[in-house]
Structure formats: C-alpha cells, structure tokens
C-alpha cells in the first residue's frame, strides 16, 4: 500500500540530519544502558538519579531540536500550503512535550 492511501505522514531528512539525530539517540541509549548497569551493580541511589537526570535532559534536548526542525520545515510548509490544521497538531504536540 502506498502512503497516499494511508494516514501515515513522513518527513524526508537529508543524510546529515539523520546522522545527527541518530548519533544523539545512540548517546542517549548508551546513557540508559549505563543506568541499567548501575542498577545491576547496586550503585548508590543518588548516583543513579544524577545519571537519570542527565539522560532526561539529553532526551529533552533531542526533542527541542527535533521540534525546531519540525516547525521550520513541516509546519511552515503546511501553513504555506493552507493546511492550517497543522497548527492544532503542533499545539497538541507541544502540550505533550510540556507534561
């Protein structure tokens, strides 16, 4: 089934963008694995909490960068094309990010 027949949206990213996003996620994944190892090794709670906060901050930073790119590309394009419903979608997404 081609995408024009389904409700799935896609964003084309150039290779540099993909690489940067995936590199950030790989670092975050490494942080999470490190936290799991700390649990397995009975590390001190405070040390685990510090690492957890760092991983959360890294994920928040990833989300902020992706949101900025989304606004500059997808949202701007849809507004120029008269697809104002993208504004409601953006507001909903920002609400989820700010929980």
Protein backbone atom coordinates (compact mmCIF):
# COMPACT_ATOMS: atom_id res chain seq x y z
CA UNK A 1 0.00 0.00 0.00
CA UNK A 2 1.42 3.40 -0.92
CA UNK A 3 1.45 6.28 1.52
CA UNK A 4 -1.16 8.27 -0.38
CA UNK A 5 -3.71 5.64 0.68
CA UNK A 6 -2.92 5.69 4.39
CA UNK A 7 -2.80 8.27 7.18
CA UNK A 8 0.92 7.91 7.83
CA UNK A 9 2.94 11.07 7.42
CA UNK A 10 6.63 11.03 6.59
CA UNK A 11 9.43 13.59 6.75
CA UNK A 12 12.28 13.43 4.29
CA UNK A 13 15.56 14.24 6.03
CA UNK A 14 18.92 14.56 4.39
CA UNK A 15 21.64 12.14 5.43
CA UNK A 16 23.40 14.71 7.64
CA UNK A 17 20.19 15.36 9.59
CA UNK A 18 19.51 11.65 10.00
CA UNK A 19 23.07 11.01 11.14
CA UNK A 20 22.95 13.82 13.71
CA UNK A 21 19.61 12.63 15.13
CA UNK A 22 20.70 9.01 15.27
CA UNK A 23 24.02 9.93 16.90
CA UNK A 24 22.15 11.80 19.65
CA UNK A 25 19.81 8.86 20.19
CA UNK A 26 22.72 6.44 20.31
CA UNK A 27 24.36 8.53 23.04
CA UNK A 28 21.09 8.59 24.99
CA UNK A 29 20.73 4.84 24.53
CA UNK A 30 24.25 4.45 25.92
CA UNK A 31 23.31 6.54 28.93
CA UNK A 32 20.27 4.33 29.57
CA UNK A 33 22.40 1.18 29.29
CA UNK A 34 24.79 2.75 31.79
CA UNK A 35 21.94 3.37 34.21
CA UNK A 36 20.77 -0.24 33.83
CA UNK A 37 24.29 -1.41 34.62
CA UNK A 38 24.37 0.82 37.69
CA UNK A 39 21.16 -0.84 38.91
CA UNK A 40 22.58 -4.30 38.25
CA UNK A 41 25.73 -3.38 40.19
CA UNK A 42 23.78 -1.91 43.13
CA UNK A 43 25.16 1.60 42.61
CA UNK A 44 24.31 4.31 45.11
CA UNK A 45 20.79 5.73 44.53
CA UNK A 46 21.96 9.33 44.26
CA UNK A 47 24.49 8.43 41.56
CA UNK A 48 21.76 6.69 39.56
CA UNK A 49 19.45 9.68 39.98
CA UNK A 50 22.13 12.04 38.67
CA UNK A 51 22.63 9.86 35.60
CA UNK A 52 18.86 9.57 35.12
CA UNK A 53 18.55 13.37 35.18
CA UNK A 54 21.34 13.65 32.63
CA UNK A 55 19.61 11.15 30.32
CA UNK A 56 16.31 13.01 30.71
CA UNK A 57 17.98 16.31 29.88
CA UNK A 58 19.61 14.76 26.81
CA UNK A 59 16.24 13.44 25.61
CA UNK A 60 14.62 16.83 26.23
CA UNK A 61 17.37 18.49 24.20
CA UNK A 62 16.82 15.99 21.39
CA UNK A 63 13.09 16.77 21.43
CA UNK A 64 13.67 20.55 21.37
CA UNK A 65 15.97 20.25 18.38
CA UNK A 66 13.56 17.99 16.53
CA UNK A 67 10.64 20.31 17.35
CA UNK A 68 12.56 23.32 15.98
CA UNK A 69 13.34 21.44 12.77
CA UNK A 70 9.70 20.34 12.52
CA UNK A 71 8.46 23.93 12.82
CA UNK A 72 10.97 25.24 10.28
CA UNK A 73 10.17 22.54 7.73
CA UNK A 74 6.92 20.58 8.05
CA UNK A 75 4.82 23.18 9.86
CA UNK A 76 5.99 26.11 7.73
CA UNK A 77 5.38 24.12 4.53
CA UNK A 78 1.88 23.06 5.60
CA UNK A 79 0.91 26.62 6.57
CA UNK A 80 2.17 27.93 3.20
CA UNK A 81 0.02 25.23 1.54
CA UNK A 82 -3.04 26.37 3.52
CA UNK A 83 -3.10 23.32 5.79
CA UNK A 84 -3.83 25.27 8.97
CA UNK A 85 -4.77 22.07 10.86
CA UNK A 86 -1.03 21.63 11.38
CA UNK A 87 -1.27 24.42 13.98
CA UNK A 88 -3.64 22.36 16.13
CA UNK A 89 -1.37 19.34 15.69
CA UNK A 90 1.60 21.43 16.83
CA UNK A 91 -0.27 22.77 19.87
CA UNK A 92 -1.24 19.21 20.82
CA UNK A 93 2.35 18.02 20.41
CA UNK A 94 3.73 20.89 22.49
CA UNK A 95 1.22 20.06 25.23
CA UNK A 96 2.53 16.51 25.32
CA UNK A 97 6.12 17.73 25.45
CA UNK A 98 5.42 20.07 28.35
CA UNK A 99 3.89 17.48 30.72
